[in-house]
Amino acid sequence: MKSYKVVEFGKPLQKVEETNPAPQGTEVLVRVTAAGVCHSDVHLWEGFFDMGGGNKVSTQKTMNPPRTMGHEIVGEVVAVGPDAAKGPNGGAKVGDHAVVYPWIGCGKCWYCNGGIEHLCPTPRALGVNNDGGYADHVLVPHAKYLYPYGDLPVELACLYACSGITAFGAVKKAVGQDGGKPILVIGAGGVGLMGVRFAKSVLGHEPIVADIDENKRKLALENGAVAAFDPRDKDARKQIFELTGGTGVGAAIDFVGAESSAQFGLKALGRGGRLIIVGLFGGNFSIPLPMFAFTGCQIVGSVTGSPAEMKEMMDLVTGGKVTPVPIIKRKLDEADATLQELRKGLIMGRAVLVP
């Protein structure tokens, strides 16, 4: 098995050749046919998340290098453990093609038993806590984490395991908040573009987009945004209010997660609006406490999505109700170079590694 691993944080990924793992129990061995390169991989590779004020949270214990990153995985089942055919979804068999749900929990806690194992405090997430898809094979703990992808191209199908389910889960949190008006999507990178697509299919209308990059604003308009603004423009907030009948947006989804982007989203909200934080750029964010009571605003976090939401989303995309985002294909051997391009903001759309 060939893989590209983080051996030392902030250093080039290293190519490792080793024997294919033999699946045990309910485990399934999947031959990777495509794996997305996600922006969260940049933070995992760096070895920390920026908490603002000079504070950083290390990913040393979480990842415990050497670690194969890559949590957006699609592939073909090539071997199964003796118990892999069991389960509520009929199990798995050699030859099955599926997207792999990577946000795997411990399987025993309150969160996992409640169907929200993506929030499990002791996770086994592929590409984070366990080895992932920057490889030609990956070991999956159970067949229940495999989702059919119909006729979707593998390069697109893999993206729904993270950027797709992350965008879908965030847009779902805007349901009932939009009031028939466009929501605001902040950040038109790979995940943000997914949010633009899901806004139409989930909420029924195209969103407004804010991004500091002119090319990404253009790309957002080409992918369905009703309007796109530079949040640094002093008239941007005024124009958003004009587009929403003078009341502001009912929901703003921040796919950047920086202080400036969150503050822009908050100021674009109407009364009772909801700011949904998704991005991991980092930093501090503050708001005078009385403003919660004065405006009725809500600030919520959103992290990936549950297995049930994964199924709901896959039913949407395999049913042709979501238009695909732009994709850039790269060879697996270009894993490190692609990660560095993403870190520098040079990737337009989504980058996918193909073994």
Protein backbone atom coordinates (compact mmCIF):
# COMPACT_ATOMS: atom_id res chain seq x y z
CA MET A 1 0.00 0.00 0.00
CA LYS A 2 1.27 3.45 -0.94
CA SER A 3 0.40 6.44 1.23
CA TYR A 4 1.55 9.99 1.91
CA LYS A 5 1.91 10.70 5.62
CA VAL A 6 2.48 13.62 7.94
CA VAL A 7 5.63 12.49 9.72
CA GLU A 8 6.62 15.89 11.08
CA PHE A 9 4.23 18.83 11.27
CA GLY A 10 4.91 21.57 8.73
CA LYS A 11 7.27 19.36 6.72
CA PRO A 12 6.65 17.74 3.31
CA LEU A 13 4.42 14.65 3.31
CA GLN A 14 6.46 11.47 3.09
CA LYS A 15 5.72 8.58 0.77
CA VAL A 16 5.39 5.27 2.64
CA GLU A 17 5.11 1.78 1.14
CA GLU A 18 3.68 -0.97 3.36
CA THR A 19 1.61 -4.14 3.22
CA ASN A 20 -2.13 -3.75 2.71
CA PRO A 21 -3.94 -4.15 6.06
CA ALA A 22 -6.10 -7.28 6.42
CA PRO A 23 -9.64 -6.39 7.59
CA GLN A 24 -10.78 -7.99 10.84
CA GLY A 25 -14.27 -8.36 12.29
CA THR A 26 -16.57 -5.75 10.70
CA GLU A 27 -13.71 -3.93 8.95
CA VAL A 28 -13.71 -3.26 5.22
CA LEU A 29 -10.66 -2.58 3.04
CA VAL A 30 -11.37 0.01 0.36
CA ARG A 31 -9.20 0.69 -2.69
CA VAL A 32 -9.18 4.47 -2.95
CA THR A 33 -10.27 5.76 -6.36
CA ALA A 34 -10.29 9.46 -5.39
CA ALA A 35 -9.59 11.58 -2.29
CA GLY A 36 -10.27 15.26 -1.80
CA VAL A 37 -7.74 17.72 -0.41
CA CYS A 38 -9.63 19.74 2.21
CA HIS A 39 -8.59 23.06 3.74
CA SER A 40 -8.78 21.55 7.22
CA ASP A 41 -5.92 19.30 6.06
CA VAL A 42 -3.76 22.42 5.94
CA HIS A 43 -4.33 23.05 9.65
CA LEU A 44 -3.80 19.38 10.48
CA TRP A 45 -0.54 19.40 8.50
CA GLU A 46 0.61 22.58 10.25
CA GLY A 47 0.01 20.88 13.59
CA PHE A 48 -2.22 23.47 15.23
CA PHE A 49 -5.38 25.52 15.09
CA ASP A 50 -5.21 29.28 15.75
CA MET A 51 -7.38 30.20 18.72
CA GLY A 52 -6.53 33.91 18.52
CA GLY A 53 -4.61 36.11 20.94
CA GLY A 54 -1.45 34.13 20.23
CA ASN A 55 -3.04 30.90 21.50
CA LYS A 56 -2.80 27.70 19.49
CA VAL A 57 -4.23 24.23 19.98
CA SER A 58 -1.85 21.45 18.98
CA THR A 59 -3.03 18.49 16.89
CA GLN A 60 -0.18 16.29 18.17
CA LYS A 61 -2.35 14.05 20.37
CA THR A 62 -5.22 14.07 17.89
CA MET A 63 -3.15 12.93 14.91
CA ASN A 64 -0.24 11.19 16.63
CA PRO A 65 2.02 11.17 13.52
CA PRO A 66 2.93 9.45 11.35
CA ARG A 67 -0.59 9.87 9.99
CA THR A 68 -2.11 9.54 6.53
CA MET A 69 -4.43 12.49 6.02
CA GLY A 70 -7.41 12.64 3.68
CA HIS A 71 -10.99 12.38 4.93
CA GLU A 72 -12.84 12.81 1.60
CA ILE A 73 -12.68 9.26 0.28
CA VAL A 74 -14.40 7.22 -2.39
CA GLY A 75 -13.41 3.76 -3.51
CA GLU A 76 -14.08 0.10 -4.16
CA VAL A 77 -14.34 -2.63 -1.53
CA VAL A 78 -11.54 -5.14 -2.15
CA ALA A 79 -11.59 -7.16 1.08
CA VAL A 80 -13.95 -7.60 4.03
CA GLY A 81 -13.68 -8.96 7.56
CA PRO A 82 -15.68 -12.04 8.58
CA ASP A 83 -18.45 -9.90 10.12
CA ALA A 84 -18.58 -7.19 7.46
CA ALA A 85 -21.64 -8.67 5.74
CA LYS A 86 -23.73 -8.04 8.84
CA GLY A 87 -25.53 -4.84 9.73
CA PRO A 88 -28.71 -2.82 9.15
CA ASN A 89 -27.70 -1.77 5.64
CA GLY A 90 -26.84 -5.29 4.47
CA GLY A 91 -23.12 -4.98 5.07
CA ALA A 92 -20.51 -4.87 2.33
CA LYS A 93 -19.14 -7.20 -0.29
CA VAL A 94 -16.11 -7.16 -2.55
CA GLY A 95 -16.79 -5.01 -5.59
CA ASP A 96 -19.06 -2.46 -3.87
CA HIS A 97 -18.39 1.17 -4.79
CA ALA A 98 -19.04 3.80 -2.13
CA VAL A 99 -18.25 7.14 -0.55
CA VAL A 100 -16.73 6.65 2.90
CA TYR A 101 -18.24 8.58 5.82
CA PRO A 102 -15.09 9.54 7.78
CA TRP A 103 -16.50 11.17 10.94
CA ILE A 104 -16.48 7.97 12.94
CA GLY A 105 -17.01 8.00 16.70
CA CYS A 106 -16.16 5.56 19.46
CA GLY A 107 -19.47 3.74 18.90
CA LYS A 108 -20.28 3.55 22.62
CA CYS A 109 -20.95 7.03 24.01
CA TRP A 110 -24.14 9.08 24.30
CA TYR A 111 -23.35 10.95 21.07
CA CYS A 112 -22.74 7.81 19.03
CA ASN A 113 -25.80 6.06 20.45
CA GLY A 114 -27.84 9.16 19.63
CA GLY A 115 -26.83 9.15 15.97
CA ILE A 116 -24.54 12.20 16.16
CA GLU A 117 -21.20 10.44 16.29
CA HIS A 118 -19.56 13.29 14.36
CA LEU A 119 -19.64 15.06 17.76
CA CYS A 120 -18.08 12.13 19.65
CA PRO A 121 -15.43 13.39 22.13
CA THR A 122 -13.17 10.36 21.45
CA PRO A 123 -13.43 10.02 17.66
CA ARG A 124 -11.80 7.63 15.20
CA ALA A 125 -12.10 9.99 12.22
CA LEU A 126 -10.36 8.78 9.08
CA GLY A 127 -7.55 11.08 7.97
CA VAL A 128 -7.41 12.67 11.42
CA ASN A 129 -7.32 10.13 14.27
CA ASN A 130 -6.92 7.10 11.98
CA ASP A 131 -5.22 6.79 8.60
CA GLY A 132 -7.17 8.24 5.69
CA GLY A 133 -7.32 8.63 1.95
CA TYR A 134 -3.98 10.08 0.83
CA ALA A 135 -3.27 6.48 -0.09
CA ASP A 136 -4.30 3.77 -2.51
CA HIS A 137 -6.12 1.80 0.23
CA VAL A 138 -7.92 2.68 3.46
CA LEU A 139 -9.31 0.52 6.27
CA VAL A 140 -12.91 1.36 7.27
CA PRO A 141 -14.22 0.08 10.66
CA HIS A 142 -17.70 -0.92 9.46
CA ALA A 143 -19.77 -1.21 6.29
CA LYS A 144 -22.35 1.21 7.71
CA TYR A 145 -19.96 4.02 6.86
CA LEU A 146 -20.19 3.25 3.14
CA TYR A 147 -22.68 5.23 1.03
CA PRO A 148 -23.51 4.43 -2.63
CA TYR A 149 -22.90 7.31 -5.02
CA GLY A 150 -24.86 6.23 -8.08
CA ASP A 151 -23.56 7.59 -11.38
CA LEU A 152 -21.51 10.43 -9.89
CA PRO A 153 -17.90 10.70 -11.10
CA VAL A 154 -15.54 9.49 -8.36
CA GLU A 155 -13.75 12.87 -8.35
CA LEU A 156 -17.01 14.53 -7.35
CA ALA A 157 -18.39 11.78 -5.11
CA CYS A 158 -15.47 11.89 -2.67
CA LEU A 159 -16.04 15.58 -1.93
CA TYR A 160 -19.39 14.91 -0.31
CA ALA A 161 -17.66 13.13 2.61
CA CYS A 162 -16.46 16.46 4.05
CA SER A 163 -16.96 19.65 2.05
CA GLY A 164 -20.34 18.33 0.96
CA ILE A 165 -21.62 17.18 4.35
CA THR A 166 -20.05 20.22 6.05
CA ALA A 167 -21.81 22.62 3.67
CA PHE A 168 -25.05 20.64 3.81
CA GLY A 169 -25.04 20.52 7.61
CA ALA A 170 -24.43 24.26 7.78
CA VAL A 171 -27.15 25.14 5.26
CA LYS A 172 -29.59 22.90 7.15
CA LYS A 173 -29.04 25.15 10.18
CA ALA A 174 -30.37 28.04 8.08
CA VAL A 175 -33.68 26.27 7.40
CA GLY A 176 -36.49 28.35 8.88
CA GLN A 177 -34.19 31.36 9.27
CA ASP A 178 -34.16 32.63 5.69
CA GLY A 179 -37.73 33.96 5.55
CA GLY A 180 -37.83 33.46 1.80
CA LYS A 181 -34.80 35.74 1.33
CA PRO A 182 -31.27 34.89 0.23
CA ILE A 183 -28.88 33.81 2.95
CA LEU A 184 -25.31 35.10 3.04
CA VAL A 185 -22.42 32.74 2.30
CA ILE A 186 -19.05 34.14 3.40
CA GLY A 187 -16.08 32.55 1.64
CA ALA A 188 -16.35 31.06 -1.84
CA GLY A 189 -13.59 28.49 -1.51
CA GLY A 190 -14.22 24.79 -1.99
CA VAL A 191 -16.61 24.32 0.94
CA GLY A 192 -18.26 27.69 0.40
CA LEU A 193 -19.07 26.79 -3.20
CA MET A 194 -20.71 23.63 -1.93
CA GLY A 195 -22.75 25.89 0.35
CA VAL A 196 -23.82 27.96 -2.64
CA ARG A 197 -25.03 24.82 -4.38
CA PHE A 198 -26.88 23.43 -1.36
CA ALA A 199 -28.56 26.77 -0.60
CA LYS A 200 -30.58 26.43 -3.78
CA SER A 201 -31.51 22.76 -3.30
CA VAL A 202 -32.23 22.98 0.45
CA LEU A 203 -33.65 26.50 0.84
CA GLY A 204 -35.07 27.02 -2.64
CA HIS A 205 -33.18 30.17 -3.59
CA GLU A 206 -29.65 31.27 -4.43
CA PRO A 207 -27.50 32.95 -1.77
CA ILE A 208 -25.56 36.19 -1.62
CA VAL A 209 -21.79 35.62 -1.45
CA ALA A 210 -19.02 37.65 0.16
CA ASP A 211 -15.34 37.00 -0.58
CA ILE A 212 -12.24 39.19 -0.70
CA ASP A 213 -10.95 37.40 -3.82
CA GLU A 214 -12.33 38.79 -7.09
CA ASN A 215 -11.82 35.49 -8.92
CA LYS A 216 -13.71 33.58 -6.24
CA ARG A 217 -16.57 36.08 -6.39
CA LYS A 218 -16.75 35.53 -10.12
CA LEU A 219 -16.70 31.77 -9.62
CA ALA A 220 -19.50 32.05 -7.06
CA LEU A 221 -21.67 33.97 -9.54
CA GLU A 222 -20.97 31.32 -12.16
CA ASN A 223 -22.07 28.68 -9.65
CA GLY A 224 -25.41 30.21 -8.73
CA ALA A 225 -24.89 33.13 -6.35
CA VAL A 226 -27.48 35.88 -6.79
CA ALA A 227 -24.84 38.53 -5.99
CA ALA A 228 -21.24 38.65 -4.78
CA PHE A 229 -19.53 41.37 -2.76
CA ASP A 230 -16.12 42.22 -1.39
CA PRO A 231 -16.70 42.44 2.40
CA ARG A 232 -13.98 45.11 2.60
CA ASP A 233 -16.13 47.42 0.46
CA LYS A 234 -17.73 50.04 2.73
CA ASP A 235 -21.00 49.71 0.79
CA ALA A 236 -21.18 45.90 0.91
CA ARG A 237 -23.40 45.73 4.01
CA LYS A 238 -25.71 48.43 2.60
CA GLN A 239 -26.07 46.50 -0.67
CA ILE A 240 -26.89 43.28 1.21
CA PHE A 241 -29.63 45.07 3.11
CA GLU A 242 -31.00 46.46 -0.15
CA LEU A 243 -31.12 42.93 -1.62
CA THR A 244 -33.08 41.72 1.41
CA GLY A 245 -35.69 44.46 1.44
CA GLY A 246 -33.85 46.51 4.04
CA THR A 247 -34.04 43.90 6.79
CA GLY A 248 -30.73 42.04 6.48
CA VAL A 249 -30.22 38.30 6.00
CA GLY A 250 -31.88 35.73 8.22
CA ALA A 251 -28.76 33.58 8.20
CA ALA A 252 -25.09 34.09 7.40
CA ILE A 253 -22.80 31.09 7.03
CA ASP A 254 -19.13 31.87 7.63
CA PHE A 255 -17.01 29.35 5.76
CA VAL A 256 -13.84 31.35 6.58
CA GLY A 257 -13.97 31.51 10.37
CA ALA A 258 -11.81 34.61 10.86
CA GLU A 259 -12.60 37.55 13.13
CA SER A 260 -13.25 39.86 10.17
CA SER A 261 -15.51 37.38 8.34
CA ALA A 262 -17.56 36.60 11.46
CA GLN A 263 -18.01 40.29 12.26
CA PHE A 264 -19.13 40.96 8.68
CA GLY A 265 -21.65 38.13 8.92
CA LEU A 266 -22.97 39.41 12.24
CA LYS A 267 -23.45 42.94 10.87
CA ALA A 268 -25.32 41.60 7.83
CA LEU A 269 -27.91 39.83 10.00
CA GLY A 270 -31.43 41.07 10.44
CA ARG A 271 -33.17 40.91 13.81
CA GLY A 272 -33.41 37.33 15.04
CA GLY A 273 -30.77 36.28 12.49
CA ARG A 274 -28.41 33.36 12.89
CA LEU A 275 -24.65 33.44 12.31
CA ILE A 276 -23.35 29.95 11.54
CA ILE A 277 -19.59 29.50 12.01
CA VAL A 278 -17.97 26.76 9.92
CA GLY A 279 -14.48 27.92 8.90
CA LEU A 280 -11.29 27.30 10.84
CA PHE A 281 -9.08 30.21 9.81
CA GLY A 282 -8.83 31.17 13.47
CA GLY A 283 -8.73 34.16 15.75
CA ASN A 284 -10.92 35.82 18.37
CA PHE A 285 -14.48 37.04 18.07
CA SER A 286 -16.37 39.30 20.45
CA ILE A 287 -19.82 40.84 20.74
CA PRO A 288 -21.30 42.97 23.54
CA LEU A 289 -23.53 40.61 25.51
CA PRO A 290 -26.57 42.94 25.51
CA MET A 291 -26.67 42.65 21.70
CA PHE A 292 -27.98 39.09 22.02
CA ALA A 293 -31.02 40.42 23.84
CA PHE A 294 -31.36 43.62 21.80
CA THR A 295 -31.33 41.88 18.41
CA GLY A 296 -32.33 38.30 19.19
CA CYS A 297 -29.36 37.10 17.16
CA GLN A 298 -27.94 33.61 17.46
CA ILE A 299 -24.37 32.39 16.93
CA VAL A 300 -23.95 28.66 16.38
CA GLY A 301 -21.13 26.39 15.33
CA SER A 302 -21.42 23.76 12.65
CA VAL A 303 -19.10 20.78 12.21
CA THR A 304 -19.57 18.27 9.36
CA GLY A 305 -22.84 16.32 9.74
CA SER A 306 -24.37 13.16 11.14
CA PRO A 307 -24.64 9.80 9.34
CA ALA A 308 -28.37 10.48 8.87
CA GLU A 309 -27.58 13.84 7.24
CA MET A 310 -25.01 12.09 5.07
CA LYS A 311 -27.74 9.80 3.74
CA GLU A 312 -30.12 12.71 3.22
CA MET A 313 -27.45 14.61 1.32
CA MET A 314 -26.40 11.63 -0.82
CA ASP A 315 -30.05 11.08 -1.78
CA LEU A 316 -30.12 14.69 -2.98
CA VAL A 317 -26.93 14.55 -5.01
CA THR A 318 -27.52 11.12 -6.54
CA GLY A 319 -31.01 12.32 -7.45
CA GLY A 320 -29.47 15.08 -9.56
CA LYS A 321 -30.76 17.90 -7.35
CA VAL A 322 -27.34 19.47 -6.69
CA THR A 323 -25.12 20.93 -9.42
CA PRO A 324 -21.45 19.89 -9.10
CA VAL A 325 -18.67 22.31 -8.19
CA PRO A 326 -15.47 22.85 -10.24
CA ILE A 327 -12.86 20.14 -9.66
CA ILE A 328 -9.10 20.03 -10.21
CA LYS A 329 -7.66 16.51 -10.55
CA ARG A 330 -4.17 15.68 -9.35
CA LYS A 331 -2.16 12.46 -9.05
CA LEU A 332 -1.71 10.95 -5.59
CA ASP A 333 2.03 11.57 -5.95
CA GLU A 334 1.23 15.31 -6.07
CA ALA A 335 -0.36 15.23 -2.61
CA ASP A 336 2.15 17.51 -0.92
CA ALA A 337 2.35 20.00 -3.80
CA THR A 338 -1.45 20.21 -3.93
CA LEU A 339 -1.67 20.76 -0.18
CA GLN A 340 0.81 23.64 -0.45
CA GLU A 341 -1.14 25.25 -3.29
CA LEU A 342 -4.28 25.06 -1.18
CA ARG A 343 -2.43 26.60 1.77
CA LYS A 344 -1.43 29.54 -0.44
CA GLY A 345 -4.99 30.02 -1.73
CA LEU A 346 -4.12 29.03 -5.30
CA ILE A 347 -6.79 26.34 -5.74
CA MET A 348 -10.02 27.48 -7.42
CA GLY A 349 -12.81 25.02 -6.65
CA ARG A 350 -11.86 21.65 -5.15
CA ALA A 351 -8.67 19.62 -5.60
CA VAL A 352 -8.92 15.83 -5.75
CA LEU A 353 -6.13 13.22 -5.67
CA VAL A 354 -6.51 10.22 -7.97
CA PRO A 355 -4.18 7.22 -7.37
